[in-house]
Amino acid sequence: MIVYLMCFILFFTGLYGVITRRNLVKIAISLSIMEFSTFLFFALIGYVEGGIAPIVDPADPGQVYVDPLPQALVLTAIVIGLATTAMLMAVIIRIFRKYKTFDIREINELRG
């Protein structure tokens, strides 16, 4: 139970960073923290105490297996998260080259 609570604390820490920070790089890091807390939560959902890898052995039908679906979803989400983070950082670099700052408020002032 405490591990699930830690996932939510980690998620809300990232959310706090997204809402309160003005630096674009810090916002991207906060989004990554939120993303990883979600990955951890999904991996914990599939965990079974005493479970083994889901390789079915017909000779031993009484085994308890770990659910492989959340693990597969997390692996897919990690790849997608890496691609979106790379794209976000590329956009941040382009914004920095144009406005010479990472501060959102300064960028808003320079744009107007």
PDB file of N, CA and C in Angstrom:
ATOM      1  N   MET A   1       0.817  -1.199   0.000  1.00  0.00           N
ATOM      2  CA  MET A   1       0.000   0.000   0.000  1.00  0.00           C
ATOM      3  C   MET A   1       0.859   1.259   0.000  1.00  0.00           C
ATOM      4  N   ILE A   2       1.957   1.226   0.759  1.00  0.00           N
ATOM      5  CA  ILE A   2       2.816   2.410   0.845  1.00  0.00           C
ATOM      6  C   ILE A   2       3.488   2.701  -0.491  1.00  0.00           C
ATOM      7  N   VAL A   3       3.730   1.659  -1.287  1.00  0.00           N
ATOM      8  CA  VAL A   3       4.375   1.851  -2.579  1.00  0.00           C
ATOM      9  C   VAL A   3       3.442   2.594  -3.534  1.00  0.00           C
ATOM     10  N   TYR A   4       2.151   2.276  -3.481  1.00  0.00           N
ATOM     11  CA  TYR A   4       1.182   2.994  -4.309  1.00  0.00           C
ATOM     12  C   TYR A   4       1.105   4.461  -3.894  1.00  0.00           C
ATOM     13  N   LEU A   5       1.154   4.696  -2.599  1.00  0.00           N
ATOM     14  CA  LEU A   5       1.142   6.070  -2.093  1.00  0.00           C
ATOM     15  C   LEU A   5       2.375   6.828  -2.576  1.00  0.00           C
ATOM     16  N   MET A   6       3.509   6.156  -2.601  1.00  0.00           N
ATOM     17  CA  MET A   6       4.731   6.799  -3.096  1.00  0.00           C
ATOM     18  C   MET A   6       4.616   7.131  -4.587  1.00  0.00           C
ATOM     19  N   CYS A   7       3.927   6.298  -5.349  1.00  0.00           N
ATOM     20  CA  CYS A   7       3.692   6.601  -6.773  1.00  0.00           C
ATOM     21  C   CYS A   7       2.889   7.887  -6.917  1.00  0.00           C
ATOM     22  N   PHE A   8       1.853   8.027  -6.098  1.00  0.00           N
ATOM     23  CA  PHE A   8       1.025   9.231  -6.175  1.00  0.00           C
ATOM     24  C   PHE A   8       1.799  10.464  -5.701  1.00  0.00           C
ATOM     25  N   ILE A   9       2.631  10.307  -4.678  1.00  0.00           N
ATOM     26  CA  ILE A   9       3.453  11.431  -4.215  1.00  0.00           C
ATOM     27  C   ILE A   9       4.423  11.856  -5.309  1.00  0.00           C
ATOM     28  N   LEU A  10       5.031  10.885  -5.984  1.00  0.00           N
ATOM     29  CA  LEU A  10       5.947  11.181  -7.083  1.00  0.00           C
ATOM     30  C   LEU A  10       5.213  11.871  -8.229  1.00  0.00           C
ATOM     31  N   PHE A  11       4.011  11.412  -8.530  1.00  0.00           N
ATOM     32  CA  PHE A  11       3.219  12.037  -9.591  1.00  0.00           C
ATOM     33  C   PHE A  11       2.885  13.481  -9.239  1.00  0.00           C
ATOM     34  N   PHE A  12       2.441  13.720  -8.018  1.00  0.00           N
ATOM     35  CA  PHE A  12       2.066  15.075  -7.624  1.00  0.00           C
ATOM     36  C   PHE A  12       3.281  15.986  -7.474  1.00  0.00           C
ATOM     37  N   THR A  13       4.450  15.410  -7.190  1.00  0.00           N
ATOM     38  CA  THR A  13       5.680  16.204  -7.197  1.00  0.00           C
ATOM     39  C   THR A  13       5.974  16.707  -8.607  1.00  0.00           C
ATOM     40  N   GLY A  14       5.828  15.833  -9.592  1.00  0.00           N
ATOM     41  CA  GLY A  14       6.009  16.241 -10.983  1.00  0.00           C
ATOM     42  C   GLY A  14       4.964  17.254 -11.415  1.00  0.00           C
ATOM     43  N   LEU A  15       3.727  17.056 -10.996  1.00  0.00           N
ATOM     44  CA  LEU A  15       2.658  17.993 -11.332  1.00  0.00           C
ATOM     45  C   LEU A  15       2.928  19.370 -10.719  1.00  0.00           C
ATOM     46  N   TYR A  16       3.422  19.383  -9.495  1.00  0.00           N
ATOM     47  CA  TYR A  16       3.782  20.644  -8.838  1.00  0.00           C
ATOM     48  C   TYR A  16       4.867  21.366  -9.640  1.00  0.00           C
ATOM     49  N   GLY A  17       5.854  20.603 -10.122  1.00  0.00           N
ATOM     50  CA  GLY A  17       6.917  21.195 -10.932  1.00  0.00           C
ATOM     51  C   GLY A  17       6.406  21.758 -12.233  1.00  0.00           C
ATOM     52  N   VAL A  18       5.462  21.071 -12.867  1.00  0.00           N
ATOM     53  CA  VAL A  18       4.905  21.556 -14.131  1.00  0.00           C
ATOM     54  C   VAL A  18       4.125  22.846 -13.909  1.00  0.00           C
ATOM     55  N   ILE A  19       3.376  22.908 -12.822  1.00  0.00           N
ATOM     56  CA  ILE A  19       2.522  24.067 -12.571  1.00  0.00           C
ATOM     57  C   ILE A  19       3.310  25.281 -12.097  1.00  0.00           C
ATOM     58  N   THR A  20       4.329  25.089 -11.262  1.00  0.00           N
ATOM     59  CA  THR A  20       4.982  26.225 -10.612  1.00  0.00           C
ATOM     60  C   THR A  20       6.255  26.716 -11.284  1.00  0.00           C
ATOM     61  N   ARG A  21       6.890  25.923 -12.097  1.00  0.00           N
ATOM     62  CA  ARG A  21       8.172  26.324 -12.692  1.00  0.00           C
ATOM     63  C   ARG A  21       7.968  27.161 -13.940  1.00  0.00           C
ATOM     64  N   ARG A  22       8.927  28.054 -14.195  1.00  0.00           N
ATOM     65  CA  ARG A  22       8.886  28.890 -15.396  1.00  0.00           C
ATOM     66  C   ARG A  22       9.919  28.455 -16.426  1.00  0.00           C
ATOM     67  N   ASN A  23      10.896  27.673 -16.001  1.00  0.00           N
ATOM     68  CA  ASN A  23      11.957  27.213 -16.880  1.00  0.00           C
ATOM     69  C   ASN A  23      11.455  26.015 -17.695  1.00  0.00           C
ATOM     70  N   LEU A  24      11.603  26.086 -19.007  1.00  0.00           N
ATOM     71  CA  LEU A  24      11.095  25.032 -19.881  1.00  0.00           C
ATOM     72  C   LEU A  24      11.772  23.678 -19.637  1.00  0.00           C
ATOM     73  N   VAL A  25      13.066  23.686 -19.331  1.00  0.00           N
ATOM     74  CA  VAL A  25      13.777  22.425 -19.084  1.00  0.00           C
ATOM     75  C   VAL A  25      13.265  21.781 -17.796  1.00  0.00           C
ATOM     76  N   LYS A  26      13.032  22.588 -16.775  1.00  0.00           N
ATOM     77  CA  LYS A  26      12.501  22.049 -15.515  1.00  0.00           C
ATOM     78  C   LYS A  26      11.093  21.507 -15.700  1.00  0.00           C
ATOM     79  N   ILE A  27      10.329  22.134 -16.552  1.00  0.00           N
ATOM     80  CA  ILE A  27       8.987  21.629 -16.849  1.00  0.00           C
ATOM     81  C   ILE A  27       9.083  20.283 -17.563  1.00  0.00           C
ATOM     82  N   ALA A  28      10.017  20.144 -18.484  1.00  0.00           N
ATOM     83  CA  ALA A  28      10.203  18.871 -19.186  1.00  0.00           C
ATOM     84  C   ALA A  28      10.645  17.777 -18.212  1.00  0.00           C
ATOM     85  N   ILE A  29      11.514  18.116 -17.259  1.00  0.00           N
ATOM     86  CA  ILE A  29      11.948  17.145 -16.251  1.00  0.00           C
ATOM     87  C   ILE A  29      10.767  16.748 -15.365  1.00  0.00           C
ATOM     88  N   SER A  30       9.940  17.711 -15.006  1.00  0.00           N
ATOM     89  CA  SER A  30       8.767  17.418 -14.183  1.00  0.00           C
ATOM     90  C   SER A  30       7.789  16.510 -14.925  1.00  0.00           C
ATOM     91  N   LEU A  31       7.622  16.730 -16.216  1.00  0.00           N
ATOM     92  CA  LEU A  31       6.771  15.836 -17.008  1.00  0.00           C
ATOM     93  C   LEU A  31       7.333  14.415 -17.037  1.00  0.00           C
ATOM     94  N   SER A  32       8.648  14.296 -17.109  1.00  0.00           N
ATOM     95  CA  SER A  32       9.275  12.973 -17.095  1.00  0.00           C
ATOM     96  C   SER A  32       9.066  12.286 -15.747  1.00  0.00           C
ATOM     97  N   ILE A  33       9.124  13.042 -14.662  1.00  0.00           N
ATOM     98  CA  ILE A  33       8.866  12.474 -13.338  1.00  0.00           C
ATOM     99  C   ILE A  33       7.437  11.958 -13.250  1.00  0.00           C
ATOM    100  N   MET A  34       6.498  12.726 -13.766  1.00  0.00           N
ATOM    101  CA  MET A  34       5.101  12.274 -13.784  1.00  0.00           C
ATOM    102  C   MET A  34       4.955  10.995 -14.609  1.00  0.00           C
ATOM    103  N   GLU A  35       5.638  10.966 -15.729  1.00  0.00           N
ATOM    104  CA  GLU A  35       5.572   9.815 -16.615  1.00  0.00           C
ATOM    105  C   GLU A  35       6.129   8.562 -15.940  1.00  0.00           C
ATOM    106  N   PHE A  36       7.279   8.688 -15.280  1.00  0.00           N
ATOM    107  CA  PHE A  36       7.893   7.532 -14.635  1.00  0.00           C
ATOM    108  C   PHE A  36       7.081   7.050 -13.444  1.00  0.00           C
ATOM    109  N   SER A  37       6.399   7.966 -12.756  1.00  0.00           N
ATOM    110  CA  SER A  37       5.545   7.523 -11.653  1.00  0.00           C
ATOM    111  C   SER A  37       4.374   6.697 -12.194  1.00  0.00           C
ATOM    112  N   THR A  38       3.877   7.058 -13.355  1.00  0.00           N
ATOM    113  CA  THR A  38       2.809   6.284 -13.979  1.00  0.00           C
ATOM    114  C   THR A  38       3.322   4.908 -14.400  1.00  0.00           C
ATOM    115  N   PHE A  39       4.520   4.852 -14.945  1.00  0.00           N
ATOM    116  CA  PHE A  39       5.113   3.559 -15.310  1.00  0.00           C
ATOM    117  C   PHE A  39       5.253   2.663 -14.085  1.00  0.00           C
ATOM    118  N   LEU A  40       5.734   3.228 -12.998  1.00  0.00           N
ATOM    119  CA  LEU A  40       5.905   2.462 -11.767  1.00  0.00           C
ATOM    120  C   LEU A  40       4.564   1.960 -11.252  1.00  0.00           C
ATOM    121  N   PHE A  41       3.548   2.790 -11.321  1.00  0.00           N
ATOM    122  CA  PHE A  41       2.224   2.392 -10.862  1.00  0.00           C
ATOM    123  C   PHE A  41       1.687   1.220 -11.689  1.00  0.00           C
ATOM    124  N   PHE A  42       1.819   1.283 -13.007  1.00  0.00           N
ATOM    125  CA  PHE A  42       1.347   0.189 -13.852  1.00  0.00           C
ATOM    126  C   PHE A  42       2.138  -1.099 -13.597  1.00  0.00           C
ATOM    127  N   ALA A  43       3.431  -0.978 -13.381  1.00  0.00           N
ATOM    128  CA  ALA A  43       4.229  -2.171 -13.096  1.00  0.00           C
ATOM    129  C   ALA A  43       3.820  -2.787 -11.760  1.00  0.00           C
ATOM    130  N   LEU A  44       3.470  -1.946 -10.800  1.00  0.00           N
ATOM    131  CA  LEU A  44       3.033  -2.459  -9.500  1.00  0.00           C
ATOM    132  C   LEU A  44       1.668  -3.131  -9.576  1.00  0.00           C
ATOM    133  N   ILE A  45       0.825  -2.674 -10.484  1.00  0.00           N
ATOM    134  CA  ILE A  45      -0.492  -3.303 -10.639  1.00  0.00           C
ATOM    135  C   ILE A  45      -0.334  -4.760 -11.071  1.00  0.00           C
ATOM    136  N   GLY A  46       0.633  -5.036 -11.940  1.00  0.00           N
ATOM    137  CA  GLY A  46       0.826  -6.390 -12.447  1.00  0.00           C
ATOM    138  C   GLY A  46       1.607  -7.300 -11.524  1.00  0.00           C
ATOM    139  N   TYR A  47       2.147  -6.760 -10.427  1.00  0.00           N
ATOM    140  CA  TYR A  47       2.957  -7.566  -9.521  1.00  0.00           C
ATOM    141  C   TYR A  47       2.072  -8.461  -8.662  1.00  0.00           C
ATOM    142  N   VAL A  48       2.489  -9.717  -8.498  1.00  0.00           N
ATOM    143  CA  VAL A  48       1.797 -10.669  -7.633  1.00  0.00           C
ATOM    144  C   VAL A  48       2.832 -11.229  -6.669  1.00  0.00           C
ATOM    145  N   GLU A  49       2.547 -11.160  -5.389  1.00  0.00           N
ATOM    146  CA  GLU A  49       3.475 -11.684  -4.370  1.00  0.00           C
ATOM    147  C   GLU A  49       3.684 -13.183  -4.591  1.00  0.00           C
ATOM    148  N   GLY A  50       4.928 -13.571  -4.752  1.00  0.00           N
ATOM    149  CA  GLY A  50       5.264 -14.974  -4.959  1.00  0.00           C
ATOM    150  C   GLY A  50       5.040 -15.459  -6.378  1.00  0.00           C
ATOM    151  N   GLY A  51       4.691 -14.550  -7.284  1.00  0.00           N
ATOM    152  CA  GLY A  51       4.446 -14.932  -8.667  1.00  0.00           C
ATOM    153  C   GLY A  51       5.747 -15.145  -9.424  1.00  0.00           C
ATOM    154  N   ILE A  52       5.663 -15.956 -10.454  1.00  0.00           N
ATOM    155  CA  ILE A  52       6.835 -16.209 -11.295  1.00  0.00           C
ATOM    156  C   ILE A  52       6.547 -15.685 -12.698  1.00  0.00           C
ATOM    157  N   ALA A  53       7.560 -15.740 -13.546  1.00  0.00           N
ATOM    158  CA  ALA A  53       7.413 -15.284 -14.928  1.00  0.00           C
ATOM    159  C   ALA A  53       6.306 -16.079 -15.615  1.00  0.00           C
ATOM    160  N   PRO A  54       5.523 -15.427 -16.465  1.00  0.00           N
ATOM    161  CA  PRO A  54       4.367 -16.106 -17.078  1.00  0.00           C
ATOM    162  C   PRO A  54       4.739 -17.068 -18.197  1.00  0.00           C
ATOM    163  N   ILE A  55       5.544 -18.041 -17.871  1.00  0.00           N
ATOM    164  CA  ILE A  55       5.875 -19.118 -18.807  1.00  0.00           C
ATOM    165  C   ILE A  55       5.159 -20.362 -18.282  1.00  0.00           C
ATOM    166  N   VAL A  56       4.087 -20.726 -18.927  1.00  0.00           N
ATOM    167  CA  VAL A  56       3.206 -21.781 -18.427  1.00  0.00           C
ATOM    168  C   VAL A  56       3.874 -23.142 -18.569  1.00  0.00           C
ATOM    169  N   ASP A  57       3.885 -23.883 -17.470  1.00  0.00           N
ATOM    170  CA  ASP A  57       4.429 -25.239 -17.448  1.00  0.00           C
ATOM    171  C   ASP A  57       3.266 -26.205 -17.213  1.00  0.00           C
ATOM    172  N   PRO A  58       2.899 -27.011 -18.207  1.00  0.00           N
ATOM    173  CA  PRO A  58       1.762 -27.919 -18.029  1.00  0.00           C
ATOM    174  C   PRO A  58       1.986 -28.964 -16.934  1.00  0.00           C
ATOM    175  N   ALA A  59       3.234 -29.222 -16.588  1.00  0.00           N
ATOM    176  CA  ALA A  59       3.519 -30.213 -15.561  1.00  0.00           C
ATOM    177  C   ALA A  59       3.198 -29.683 -14.161  1.00  0.00           C
ATOM    178  N   ASP A  60       3.153 -28.370 -14.005  1.00  0.00           N
ATOM    179  CA  ASP A  60       2.875 -27.777 -12.684  1.00  0.00           C
ATOM    180  C   ASP A  60       1.739 -26.758 -12.824  1.00  0.00           C
ATOM    181  N   PRO A  61       0.469 -27.204 -12.829  1.00  0.00           N
ATOM    182  CA  PRO A  61      -0.649 -26.296 -13.095  1.00  0.00           C
ATOM    183  C   PRO A  61      -1.002 -25.362 -11.931  1.00  0.00           C
ATOM    184  N   GLY A  62      -0.451 -25.563 -10.762  1.00  0.00           N
ATOM    185  CA  GLY A  62      -0.829 -24.768  -9.592  1.00  0.00           C
ATOM    186  C   GLY A  62       0.025 -23.527  -9.366  1.00  0.00           C
ATOM    187  N   GLN A  63       0.799 -23.122 -10.331  1.00  0.00           N
ATOM    188  CA  GLN A  63       1.685 -21.971 -10.160  1.00  0.00           C
ATOM    189  C   GLN A  63       0.918 -20.653 -10.211  1.00  0.00           C
ATOM    190  N   VAL A  64       1.455 -19.658  -9.500  1.00  0.00           N
ATOM    191  CA  VAL A  64       0.921 -18.293  -9.545  1.00  0.00           C
ATOM    192  C   VAL A  64       1.840 -17.477 -10.445  1.00  0.00           C
ATOM    193  N   TYR A  65       1.245 -16.817 -11.447  1.00  0.00           N
ATOM    194  CA  TYR A  65       2.024 -16.077 -12.418  1.00  0.00           C
ATOM    195  C   TYR A  65       1.810 -14.575 -12.263  1.00  0.00           C
ATOM    196  N   VAL A  66       2.829 -13.825 -12.655  1.00  0.00           N
ATOM    197  CA  VAL A  66       2.739 -12.370 -12.697  1.00  0.00           C
ATOM    198  C   VAL A  66       2.000 -11.989 -13.981  1.00  0.00           C
ATOM    199  N   ASP A  67       1.158 -10.963 -13.903  1.00  0.00           N
ATOM    200  CA  ASP A  67       0.394 -10.531 -15.077  1.00  0.00           C
ATOM    201  C   ASP A  67       1.333  -9.837 -16.068  1.00  0.00           C
ATOM    202  N   PRO A  68       1.473 -10.339 -17.298  1.00  0.00           N
ATOM    203  CA  PRO A  68       2.417  -9.752 -18.255  1.00  0.00           C
ATOM    204  C   PRO A  68       1.881  -8.525 -18.992  1.00  0.00           C
ATOM    205  N   LEU A  69       0.570  -8.289 -18.970  1.00  0.00           N
ATOM    206  CA  LEU A  69       0.002  -7.185 -19.736  1.00  0.00           C
ATOM    207  C   LEU A  69       0.497  -5.814 -19.248  1.00  0.00           C
ATOM    208  N   PRO A  70       0.470  -5.515 -17.939  1.00  0.00           N
ATOM    209  CA  PRO A  70       1.008  -4.209 -17.508  1.00  0.00           C
ATOM    210  C   PRO A  70       2.488  -4.037 -17.840  1.00  0.00           C
ATOM    211  N   GLN A  71       3.245  -5.114 -17.790  1.00  0.00           N
ATOM    212  CA  GLN A  71       4.661  -5.026 -18.140  1.00  0.00           C
ATOM    213  C   GLN A  71       4.835  -4.661 -19.606  1.00  0.00           C
ATOM    214  N   ALA A  72       4.044  -5.267 -20.462  1.00  0.00           N
ATOM    215  CA  ALA A  72       4.120  -4.949 -21.891  1.00  0.00           C
ATOM    216  C   ALA A  72       3.689  -3.512 -22.153  1.00  0.00           C
ATOM    217  N   LEU A  73       2.649  -3.063 -21.461  1.00  0.00           N
ATOM    218  CA  LEU A  73       2.199  -1.680 -21.624  1.00  0.00           C
ATOM    219  C   LEU A  73       3.257  -0.685 -21.160  1.00  0.00           C
ATOM    220  N   VAL A  74       3.924  -1.003 -20.062  1.00  0.00           N
ATOM    221  CA  VAL A  74       4.965  -0.105 -19.552  1.00  0.00           C
ATOM    222  C   VAL A  74       6.145  -0.044 -20.521  1.00  0.00           C
ATOM    223  N   LEU A  75       6.547  -1.177 -21.073  1.00  0.00           N
ATOM    224  CA  LEU A  75       7.652  -1.166 -22.041  1.00  0.00           C
ATOM    225  C   LEU A  75       7.309  -0.329 -23.263  1.00  0.00           C
ATOM    226  N   THR A  76       6.083  -0.455 -23.733  1.00  0.00           N
ATOM    227  CA  THR A  76       5.644   0.357 -24.873  1.00  0.00           C
ATOM    228  C   THR A  76       5.596   1.833 -24.501  1.00  0.00           C
ATOM    229  N   ALA A  77       5.089   2.128 -23.312  1.00  0.00           N
ATOM    230  CA  ALA A  77       4.984   3.519 -22.865  1.00  0.00           C
ATOM    231  C   ALA A  77       6.359   4.155 -22.659  1.00  0.00           C
ATOM    232  N   ILE A  78       7.346   3.371 -22.247  1.00  0.00           N
ATOM    233  CA  ILE A  78       8.704   3.908 -22.084  1.00  0.00           C
ATOM    234  C   ILE A  78       9.253   4.360 -23.432  1.00  0.00           C
ATOM    235  N   VAL A  79       9.040   3.563 -24.453  1.00  0.00           N
ATOM    236  CA  VAL A  79       9.519   3.927 -25.794  1.00  0.00           C
ATOM    237  C   VAL A  79       8.806   5.180 -26.297  1.00  0.00           C
ATOM    238  N   ILE A  80       7.503   5.233 -26.119  1.00  0.00           N
ATOM    239  CA  ILE A  80       6.743   6.411 -26.549  1.00  0.00           C
ATOM    240  C   ILE A  80       7.154   7.636 -25.730  1.00  0.00           C
ATOM    241  N   GLY A  81       7.355   7.453 -24.427  1.00  0.00           N
ATOM    242  CA  GLY A  81       7.782   8.555 -23.571  1.00  0.00           C
ATOM    243  C   GLY A  81       9.148   9.092 -23.947  1.00  0.00           C
ATOM    244  N   LEU A  82      10.053   8.204 -24.326  1.00  0.00           N
ATOM    245  CA  LEU A  82      11.379   8.637 -24.771  1.00  0.00           C
ATOM    246  C   LEU A  82      11.273   9.477 -26.035  1.00  0.00           C
ATOM    247  N   ALA A  83      10.440   9.040 -26.963  1.00  0.00           N
ATOM    248  CA  ALA A  83      10.281   9.793 -28.217  1.00  0.00           C
ATOM    249  C   ALA A  83       9.652  11.157 -27.971  1.00  0.00           C
ATOM    250  N   THR A  84       8.630  11.216 -27.125  1.00  0.00           N
ATOM    251  CA  THR A  84       7.994  12.503 -26.858  1.00  0.00           C
ATOM    252  C   THR A  84       8.900  13.437 -26.070  1.00  0.00           C
ATOM    253  N   THR A  85       9.698  12.887 -25.168  1.00  0.00           N
ATOM    254  CA  THR A  85      10.649  13.719 -24.424  1.00  0.00           C
ATOM    255  C   THR A  85      11.722  14.271 -25.350  1.00  0.00           C
ATOM    256  N   ALA A  86      12.196  13.448 -26.270  1.00  0.00           N
ATOM    257  CA  ALA A  86      13.184  13.928 -27.238  1.00  0.00           C
ATOM    258  C   ALA A  86      12.597  15.024 -28.116  1.00  0.00           C
ATOM    259  N   MET A  87      11.360  14.859 -28.531  1.00  0.00           N
ATOM    260  CA  MET A  87      10.695  15.886 -29.345  1.00  0.00           C
ATOM    261  C   MET A  87      10.501  17.165 -28.539  1.00  0.00           C
ATOM    262  N   LEU A  88      10.103  17.031 -27.288  1.00  0.00           N
ATOM    263  CA  LEU A  88       9.922  18.191 -26.417  1.00  0.00           C
ATOM    264  C   LEU A  88      11.236  18.936 -26.221  1.00  0.00           C
ATOM    265  N   MET A  89      12.317  18.211 -26.024  1.00  0.00           N
ATOM    266  CA  MET A  89      13.617  18.866 -25.847  1.00  0.00           C
ATOM    267  C   MET A  89      14.071  19.548 -27.135  1.00  0.00           C
ATOM    268  N   ALA A  90      13.764  18.952 -28.277  1.00  0.00           N
ATOM    269  CA  ALA A  90      14.107  19.589 -29.550  1.00  0.00           C
ATOM    270  C   ALA A  90      13.341  20.899 -29.722  1.00  0.00           C
ATOM    271  N   VAL A  91      12.073  20.905 -29.345  1.00  0.00           N
ATOM    272  CA  VAL A  91      11.284  22.136 -29.426  1.00  0.00           C
ATOM    273  C   VAL A  91      11.821  23.184 -28.455  1.00  0.00           C
ATOM    274  N   ILE A  92      12.211  22.750 -27.258  1.00  0.00           N
ATOM    275  CA  ILE A  92      12.771  23.685 -26.272  1.00  0.00           C
ATOM    276  C   ILE A  92      14.070  24.298 -26.786  1.00  0.00           C
ATOM    277  N   ILE A  93      14.901  23.502 -27.434  1.00  0.00           N
ATOM    278  CA  ILE A  93      16.153  24.024 -27.992  1.00  0.00           C
ATOM    279  C   ILE A  93      15.864  25.041 -29.090  1.00  0.00           C
ATOM    280  N   ARG A  94      14.872  24.764 -29.936  1.00  0.00           N
ATOM    281  CA  ARG A  94      14.505  25.724 -30.992  1.00  0.00           C
ATOM    282  C   ARG A  94      13.977  27.027 -30.392  1.00  0.00           C
ATOM    283  N   ILE A  95      13.194  26.926 -29.340  1.00  0.00           N
ATOM    284  CA  ILE A  95      12.690  28.126 -28.665  1.00  0.00           C
ATOM    285  C   ILE A  95      13.840  28.910 -28.062  1.00  0.00           C
ATOM    286  N   PHE A  96      14.802  28.208 -27.462  1.00  0.00           N
ATOM    287  CA  PHE A  96      15.948  28.890 -26.862  1.00  0.00           C
ATOM    288  C   PHE A  96      16.782  29.606 -27.927  1.00  0.00           C
ATOM    289  N   ARG A  97      16.974  28.976 -29.067  1.00  0.00           N
ATOM    290  CA  ARG A  97      17.750  29.611 -30.137  1.00  0.00           C
ATOM    291  C   ARG A  97      17.078  30.875 -30.656  1.00  0.00           C
ATOM    292  N   LYS A  98      15.766  30.888 -30.646  1.00  0.00           N
ATOM    293  CA  LYS A  98      15.050  32.056 -31.153  1.00  0.00           C
ATOM    294  C   LYS A  98      14.977  33.177 -30.121  1.00  0.00           C
ATOM    295  N   TYR A  99      14.653  32.831 -28.857  1.00  0.00           N
ATOM    296  CA  TYR A  99      14.409  33.860 -27.847  1.00  0.00           C
ATOM    297  C   TYR A  99      15.545  34.034 -26.840  1.00  0.00           C
ATOM    298  N   LYS A 100      16.550  33.168 -26.840  1.00  0.00           N
ATOM    299  CA  LYS A 100      17.722  33.229 -25.957  1.00  0.00           C
ATOM    300  C   LYS A 100      17.359  33.143 -24.473  1.00  0.00           C
ATOM    301  N   THR A 101      16.284  32.446 -24.166  1.00  0.00           N
ATOM    302  CA  THR A 101      15.891  32.239 -22.765  1.00  0.00           C
ATOM    303  C   THR A 101      15.024  30.991 -22.658  1.00  0.00           C
ATOM    304  N   PHE A 102      15.005  30.413 -21.450  1.00  0.00           N
ATOM    305  CA  PHE A 102      14.140  29.279 -21.166  1.00  0.00           C
ATOM    306  C   PHE A 102      12.913  29.705 -20.358  1.00  0.00           C
ATOM    307  N   ASP A 103      12.870  30.954 -19.918  1.00  0.00           N
ATOM    308  CA  ASP A 103      11.810  31.448 -19.056  1.00  0.00           C
ATOM    309  C   ASP A 103      10.534  31.704 -19.860  1.00  0.00           C
ATOM    310  N   ILE A 104       9.439  31.103 -19.428  1.00  0.00           N
ATOM    311  CA  ILE A 104       8.171  31.222 -20.154  1.00  0.00           C
ATOM    312  C   ILE A 104       7.669  32.659 -20.178  1.00  0.00           C
ATOM    313  N   ARG A 105       7.791  33.353 -19.068  1.00  0.00           N
ATOM    314  CA  ARG A 105       7.281  34.734 -19.014  1.00  0.00           C
ATOM    315  C   ARG A 105       8.073  35.662 -19.928  1.00  0.00           C
ATOM    316  N   GLU A 106       9.375  35.485 -19.979  1.00  0.00           N
ATOM    317  CA  GLU A 106      10.195  36.305 -20.876  1.00  0.00           C
ATOM    318  C   GLU A 106       9.863  36.005 -22.340  1.00  0.00           C
ATOM    319  N   ILE A 107       9.630  34.751 -22.652  1.00  0.00           N
ATOM    320  CA  ILE A 107       9.270  34.371 -24.016  1.00  0.00           C
ATOM    321  C   ILE A 107       7.947  34.992 -24.388  1.00  0.00           C
ATOM    322  N   ASN A 108       6.997  34.990 -23.461  1.00  0.00           N
ATOM    323  CA  ASN A 108       5.694  35.630 -23.716  1.00  0.00           C
ATOM    324  C   ASN A 108       5.834  37.123 -23.969  1.00  0.00           C
ATOM    325  N   GLU A 109       6.712  37.783 -23.202  1.00  0.00           N
ATOM    326  CA  GLU A 109       6.939  39.217 -23.392  1.00  0.00           C
ATOM    327  C   GLU A 109       7.628  39.495 -24.720  1.00  0.00           C
ATOM    328  N   LEU A 110       8.592  38.676 -25.089  1.00  0.00           N
ATOM    329  CA  LEU A 110       9.333  38.878 -26.340  1.00  0.00           C
ATOM    330  C   LEU A 110       8.448  38.600 -27.547  1.00  0.00           C
ATOM    331  N   ARG A 111       7.508  37.703 -27.403  1.00  0.00           N
ATOM    332  CA  ARG A 111       6.597  37.347 -28.494  1.00  0.00           C
ATOM    333  C   ARG A 111       5.626  38.493 -28.789  1.00  0.00           C
ATOM    334  N   GLY A 112       5.188  39.161 -27.748  1.00  0.00           N
ATOM    335  CA  GLY A 112       4.137  40.165 -27.894  1.00  0.00           C
ATOM    336  C   GLY A 112       4.576  41.471 -28.417  1.00  0.00           C
TER     337      GLY A 112
END
